[in-house]
């Protein structure tokens, strides 16, 4: 079973590739943009290609002839035009390349909970209206439309996954848990000061290691064509954690008290709360989150060199 992972050198990609290496009968290839990223994926067959370079991408995918593609590649930040090119045109290119190389190729396109925007306090189902509140969210809505059009027009085996807010060891400061852990680790022996925009919003946080299990639970199903193709699956914890409660957990794990520094004008979060309904993937595959947020934070801290208390 040949599996191609795009965006393989990214935060999720590294975890996904590692997980796939432990699955019997799976040959993993990673699509990366720079040869220097090879060191993040040691022991993995890597190909260097840009999702926006059709000729190079087509040749690379044709050589692999994957049975499955898990499409993580794209942008999360940047100029609006760059977001659209990477997340929409790049997705079209990998869909075309995957289907041309192998008409029976299963393709899981990874979207984002950003497509929902603010959907209220109740758990969000996959049928909720798409009301993105960021340019990134808009680009992911367009990505999903592109993927579903490819399925309908070409008869391709395409499914969509919508992960909620990720956390896990090695996460960058671009995400709330990564930001908090980096600030704690950066304080050294000094009392940590956490610089934040606000502490009231609530996020559905899920460990990246649980998320990659969810991707594999979907794409590896024997009945993928019937049960997954053309459908969307939320992958979240089903819990909403206020930023303030995340800080409390970190204080309990480290046995420290943190000073929180907020701006004079505290930001009003455009998405005050978001919580997933993950019933669809759980009912179909039996997948459920296994790693608690407290354990995720402990692992993040220890990876960053911060001592924790039992």
Protein backbone atom coordinates (compact mmCIF):
# COMPACT_ATOMS: atom_id res chain seq x y z
CA UNK A 1 0.00 0.00 0.00
CA UNK A 2 1.69 3.19 -1.21
CA UNK A 3 0.73 6.32 0.73
CA UNK A 4 1.78 9.82 -0.28
CA UNK A 5 1.68 12.56 2.37
CA UNK A 6 1.85 16.15 1.15
CA UNK A 7 3.15 18.77 3.55
CA UNK A 8 5.10 15.92 5.12
CA UNK A 9 7.65 18.18 6.83
CA UNK A 10 5.00 20.23 8.63
CA UNK A 11 3.92 19.82 12.26
CA UNK A 12 1.19 17.29 11.48
CA UNK A 13 3.06 15.73 8.58
CA UNK A 14 6.00 14.60 10.71
CA UNK A 15 3.64 12.88 13.17
CA UNK A 16 1.59 11.33 10.38
CA UNK A 17 4.61 9.92 8.56
CA UNK A 18 5.92 8.43 11.80
CA UNK A 19 2.53 6.84 12.50
CA UNK A 20 2.28 5.38 8.98
CA UNK A 21 5.71 3.78 9.28
CA UNK A 22 4.23 1.65 12.08
CA UNK A 23 1.35 0.35 9.94
CA UNK A 24 1.86 -3.05 8.35
CA UNK A 25 2.22 -3.12 4.58
CA UNK A 26 2.45 0.65 4.16
CA UNK A 27 5.11 2.30 1.99
CA UNK A 28 5.26 6.00 2.87
CA UNK A 29 6.44 8.81 0.61
CA UNK A 30 6.56 12.42 1.74
CA UNK A 31 6.14 15.44 -0.51
CA UNK A 32 8.34 18.31 0.66
CA UNK A 33 9.19 21.70 -0.82
CA UNK A 34 12.88 21.85 0.10
CA UNK A 35 15.52 19.14 0.14
CA UNK A 36 16.74 20.53 3.49
CA UNK A 37 13.51 19.22 5.06
CA UNK A 38 14.70 15.65 4.52
CA UNK A 39 16.29 15.66 7.97
CA UNK A 40 12.83 15.93 9.57
CA UNK A 41 11.75 12.68 7.91
CA UNK A 42 14.70 10.37 8.24
CA UNK A 43 14.07 6.92 6.84
CA UNK A 44 11.25 8.20 4.61
CA UNK A 45 11.26 8.34 0.82
CA UNK A 46 10.90 12.05 0.13
CA UNK A 47 10.24 13.86 -3.12
CA UNK A 48 10.86 17.55 -3.58
CA UNK A 49 8.08 19.24 -5.52
CA UNK A 50 5.93 22.35 -5.30
CA UNK A 51 2.16 21.93 -5.34
CA UNK A 52 1.98 24.89 -7.73
CA UNK A 53 4.45 23.39 -10.22
CA UNK A 54 2.15 21.16 -12.25
CA UNK A 55 4.80 19.55 -14.42
CA UNK A 56 7.11 18.65 -11.53
CA UNK A 57 4.20 17.50 -9.34
CA UNK A 58 2.64 15.32 -12.04
CA UNK A 59 5.95 13.57 -12.70
CA UNK A 60 6.65 13.00 -9.00
CA UNK A 61 3.20 11.57 -8.26
CA UNK A 62 3.25 9.44 -11.39
CA UNK A 63 6.52 7.86 -10.28
CA UNK A 64 5.03 6.92 -6.90
CA UNK A 65 1.61 5.90 -8.27
CA UNK A 66 0.06 6.13 -4.78
CA UNK A 67 -2.86 4.07 -3.58
CA UNK A 68 -3.66 6.85 -1.09
CA UNK A 69 -2.89 10.55 -0.77
CA UNK A 70 -3.29 12.40 2.52
CA UNK A 71 -3.15 16.04 1.53
CA UNK A 72 -1.81 18.24 4.33
CA UNK A 73 0.12 20.68 2.12
CA UNK A 74 -0.80 24.34 1.92
CA UNK A 75 -0.56 27.59 3.86
CA UNK A 76 -2.07 28.67 7.17
CA UNK A 77 -0.87 32.29 7.05
CA UNK A 78 0.26 34.89 4.58
CA UNK A 79 -1.01 37.07 1.79
CA UNK A 80 -4.58 36.35 0.71
CA UNK A 81 -3.49 35.56 -2.83
CA UNK A 82 -0.82 33.16 -1.57
CA UNK A 83 -3.38 31.41 0.65
CA UNK A 84 -5.75 30.93 -2.28
CA UNK A 85 -3.03 29.72 -4.63
CA UNK A 86 -1.59 27.25 -2.15
CA UNK A 87 -4.84 25.95 -0.67
CA UNK A 88 -7.07 25.94 -3.76
CA UNK A 89 -4.87 25.68 -6.84
CA UNK A 90 -2.37 23.50 -4.99
CA UNK A 91 -5.22 21.18 -3.98
CA UNK A 92 -6.53 21.03 -7.55
CA UNK A 93 -3.06 20.10 -8.75
CA UNK A 94 -2.59 17.24 -6.28
CA UNK A 95 -6.10 15.96 -6.97
CA UNK A 96 -5.43 15.94 -10.71
CA UNK A 97 -2.01 14.36 -10.26
CA UNK A 98 -3.25 11.66 -7.88
CA UNK A 99 -6.20 10.67 -10.05
CA UNK A 100 -4.11 10.69 -13.25
CA UNK A 101 -1.47 8.44 -11.67
CA UNK A 102 -4.04 6.04 -10.25
CA UNK A 103 -7.80 6.44 -10.96
CA UNK A 104 -8.52 4.31 -7.86
CA UNK A 105 -6.37 6.47 -5.58
CA UNK A 106 -8.06 7.42 -2.32
CA UNK A 107 -7.50 11.09 -1.47
CA UNK A 108 -8.11 12.62 1.95
CA UNK A 109 -8.05 16.40 1.77
CA UNK A 110 -7.39 17.99 5.16
CA UNK A 111 -9.38 21.19 5.65
CA UNK A 112 -9.90 23.05 8.95
CA UNK A 113 -12.51 23.99 11.53
CA UNK A 114 -11.80 27.57 10.39
CA UNK A 115 -14.48 27.00 7.73
CA UNK A 116 -17.17 27.18 10.45
CA UNK A 117 -16.24 30.54 11.95
CA UNK A 118 -18.45 31.09 14.98
CA UNK A 119 -21.31 28.59 15.00
CA UNK A 120 -22.54 29.16 18.56
CA UNK A 121 -21.87 27.30 21.79
CA UNK A 122 -23.32 23.92 20.80
CA UNK A 123 -21.19 21.15 19.31
CA UNK A 124 -20.66 21.76 15.60
CA UNK A 125 -21.77 19.06 13.17
CA UNK A 126 -20.48 18.69 9.62
CA UNK A 127 -23.78 20.09 8.30
CA UNK A 128 -23.33 23.45 10.06
CA UNK A 129 -23.20 26.50 7.75
CA UNK A 130 -19.73 27.52 6.59
CA UNK A 131 -19.16 31.07 7.86
CA UNK A 132 -15.38 31.66 7.88
CA UNK A 133 -14.12 34.75 9.70
CA UNK A 134 -10.59 34.82 8.25
CA UNK A 135 -8.97 34.81 4.85
CA UNK A 136 -7.46 31.45 5.74
CA UNK A 137 -10.95 30.12 6.49
CA UNK A 138 -12.21 31.39 3.14
CA UNK A 139 -9.34 29.64 1.36
CA UNK A 140 -10.25 26.36 3.10
CA UNK A 141 -13.91 26.68 2.10
CA UNK A 142 -12.73 27.12 -1.50
CA UNK A 143 -10.38 24.16 -1.08
CA UNK A 144 -13.27 21.97 0.02
CA UNK A 145 -15.40 23.11 -2.93
CA UNK A 146 -12.54 22.27 -5.29
CA UNK A 147 -12.15 18.80 -3.77
CA UNK A 148 -15.86 18.00 -3.90
CA UNK A 149 -16.10 19.25 -7.49
CA UNK A 150 -13.25 16.93 -8.43
CA UNK A 151 -15.14 14.04 -6.84
CA UNK A 152 -18.39 14.86 -8.64
CA UNK A 153 -16.91 15.62 -12.05
CA UNK A 154 -14.17 13.00 -12.17
CA UNK A 155 -15.70 10.32 -9.98
CA UNK A 156 -12.57 10.49 -7.86
CA UNK A 157 -12.40 8.92 -4.40
CA UNK A 158 -12.10 12.11 -2.35
CA UNK A 159 -13.01 12.71 1.30
CA UNK A 160 -12.61 15.73 3.57
CA UNK A 161 -11.33 15.95 7.15
CA UNK A 162 -11.88 19.04 9.32
CA UNK A 163 -9.47 18.98 12.26
CA UNK A 164 -10.07 21.40 15.11
CA UNK A 165 -7.29 23.14 17.08
CA UNK A 166 -4.17 21.02 17.24
CA UNK A 167 -1.69 20.70 20.09
CA UNK A 168 1.30 18.48 20.70
CA UNK A 169 5.02 18.29 21.42
CA UNK A 170 7.10 20.51 19.17
CA UNK A 171 4.26 22.84 18.23
CA UNK A 172 5.26 26.37 17.21
CA UNK A 173 4.17 29.63 18.81
CA UNK A 174 1.60 30.16 16.05
CA UNK A 175 -0.90 28.16 18.13
CA UNK A 176 -2.14 28.91 21.62
CA UNK A 177 -0.69 25.85 23.39
CA UNK A 178 2.59 26.22 21.56
CA UNK A 179 2.72 29.90 22.45
CA UNK A 180 2.12 29.26 26.14
CA UNK A 181 4.67 26.46 26.35
CA UNK A 182 7.32 28.46 24.50
CA UNK A 183 6.86 31.40 26.87
CA UNK A 184 7.11 29.15 29.92
CA UNK A 185 10.20 27.39 28.57
CA UNK A 186 11.78 30.70 27.56
CA UNK A 187 11.51 32.09 31.08
CA UNK A 188 14.08 29.61 32.36
CA UNK A 189 14.40 29.99 36.14
CA UNK A 190 12.53 33.28 36.15
CA UNK A 191 8.85 33.54 36.93
CA UNK A 192 7.05 33.13 33.58
CA UNK A 193 5.11 36.08 32.20
CA UNK A 194 2.51 35.11 29.61
CA UNK A 195 1.85 37.77 26.98
CA UNK A 196 -1.61 37.18 25.52
CA UNK A 197 -4.28 39.07 23.63
CA UNK A 198 -7.15 37.59 25.66
CA UNK A 199 -7.99 34.64 27.90
CA UNK A 200 -11.75 34.26 27.51
CA UNK A 201 -12.15 32.40 24.23
CA UNK A 202 -12.64 28.64 24.23
CA UNK A 203 -11.12 26.21 21.75
CA UNK A 204 -11.67 22.57 20.91
CA UNK A 205 -8.14 21.27 21.43
CA UNK A 206 -7.00 17.86 20.24
CA UNK A 207 -3.63 16.14 20.30
CA UNK A 208 -1.97 15.88 16.89
CA UNK A 209 -1.23 12.20 17.62
CA UNK A 210 -4.95 11.52 17.94
CA UNK A 211 -5.61 13.48 14.75
CA UNK A 212 -3.25 11.43 12.60
CA UNK A 213 -4.93 8.26 13.88
CA UNK A 214 -8.20 9.76 12.70
CA UNK A 215 -6.84 10.42 9.22
CA UNK A 216 -5.66 6.84 8.91
CA UNK A 217 -8.92 5.45 10.33
CA UNK A 218 -10.73 7.16 7.46
CA UNK A 219 -8.45 6.62 4.50
CA UNK A 220 -7.65 2.98 5.35
CA UNK A 221 -11.25 1.80 5.55
CA UNK A 222 -11.96 -1.08 3.16
CA UNK A 223 -15.28 0.57 2.27
CA UNK A 224 -13.76 4.05 1.78
CA UNK A 225 -15.41 4.46 -1.64
CA UNK A 226 -18.88 3.89 -0.22
CA UNK A 227 -18.65 5.33 3.30
CA UNK A 228 -16.15 8.20 3.00
CA UNK A 229 -16.07 9.46 -0.57
CA UNK A 230 -17.78 12.83 -0.99
CA UNK A 231 -18.24 13.19 2.78
CA UNK A 232 -16.73 15.41 5.45
CA UNK A 233 -15.55 14.36 8.91
CA UNK A 234 -14.87 16.54 11.97
CA UNK A 235 -11.84 15.50 14.00
CA UNK A 236 -11.92 17.16 17.40
CA UNK A 237 -12.00 16.42 21.10
CA UNK A 238 -15.62 17.43 21.60
CA UNK A 239 -14.58 19.76 24.44
CA UNK A 240 -14.16 23.53 24.55
CA UNK A 241 -11.28 24.74 26.74
CA UNK A 242 -11.07 28.43 27.73
CA UNK A 243 -7.56 29.86 27.46
CA UNK A 244 -7.74 30.59 31.19
CA UNK A 245 -8.30 26.88 31.95
CA UNK A 246 -5.33 25.90 29.78
CA UNK A 247 -3.18 28.24 31.86
CA UNK A 248 -4.53 26.69 35.07
CA UNK A 249 -3.59 23.22 33.80
CA UNK A 250 -0.08 24.42 32.99
CA UNK A 251 0.26 25.90 36.48
CA UNK A 252 -0.82 22.61 38.05
CA UNK A 253 1.57 20.57 35.92
CA UNK A 254 4.56 22.82 36.62
CA UNK A 255 3.61 23.82 40.18
CA UNK A 256 4.23 27.44 39.22
CA UNK A 257 2.10 30.56 39.15
CA UNK A 258 2.23 32.63 35.98
CA UNK A 259 1.77 36.34 35.54
CA UNK A 260 -0.58 37.12 32.67
CA UNK A 261 0.04 40.31 30.74
CA UNK A 262 -2.80 41.59 28.58
CA UNK A 263 -3.00 44.73 26.41
CA UNK A 264 -4.84 47.79 27.73
CA UNK A 265 -7.53 47.15 25.15
CA UNK A 266 -8.25 43.44 25.45
CA UNK A 267 -9.10 41.91 22.10
CA UNK A 268 -12.63 40.66 21.47
CA UNK A 269 -12.16 37.24 19.87
CA UNK A 270 -14.09 36.84 16.60
CA UNK A 271 -14.71 33.21 17.55
CA UNK A 272 -15.51 33.18 21.28
CA UNK A 273 -16.05 29.43 21.37
CA UNK A 274 -15.83 26.39 19.15
CA UNK A 275 -16.58 22.75 19.97
CA UNK A 276 -16.76 19.79 17.60
CA UNK A 277 -19.32 17.09 17.26
CA UNK A 278 -17.20 14.09 16.24
CA UNK A 279 -20.07 11.59 16.15
CA UNK A 280 -19.71 10.89 12.42
CA UNK A 281 -16.12 9.63 12.48
CA UNK A 282 -16.64 7.85 15.81
CA UNK A 283 -19.72 5.99 14.53
CA UNK A 284 -18.07 4.97 11.28
CA UNK A 285 -14.57 4.03 12.43
CA UNK A 286 -14.66 3.72 16.21
CA UNK A 287 -12.04 6.46 16.44
CA UNK A 288 -12.05 8.55 19.60
CA UNK A 289 -9.50 10.85 21.21
CA UNK A 290 -7.20 8.95 23.57
CA UNK A 291 -4.85 11.66 24.87
CA UNK A 292 -6.15 14.13 27.46
CA UNK A 293 -5.29 17.80 27.17
CA UNK A 294 -3.41 17.58 30.47
CA UNK A 295 -1.21 14.81 29.05
CA UNK A 296 -0.66 16.75 25.85
CA UNK A 297 0.47 19.81 27.79
CA UNK A 298 2.75 17.70 30.00
CA UNK A 299 4.37 16.14 26.92
CA UNK A 300 4.79 19.57 25.32
CA UNK A 301 6.43 21.00 28.42
CA UNK A 302 8.79 18.06 28.84
CA UNK A 303 9.80 18.21 25.17
CA UNK A 304 10.54 21.91 25.66
CA UNK A 305 12.76 21.12 28.65
CA UNK A 306 10.38 22.26 31.39
CA UNK A 307 10.23 20.17 34.55
CA UNK A 308 6.80 18.89 35.47
CA UNK A 309 5.29 17.53 38.65
CA UNK A 310 3.47 14.25 38.98
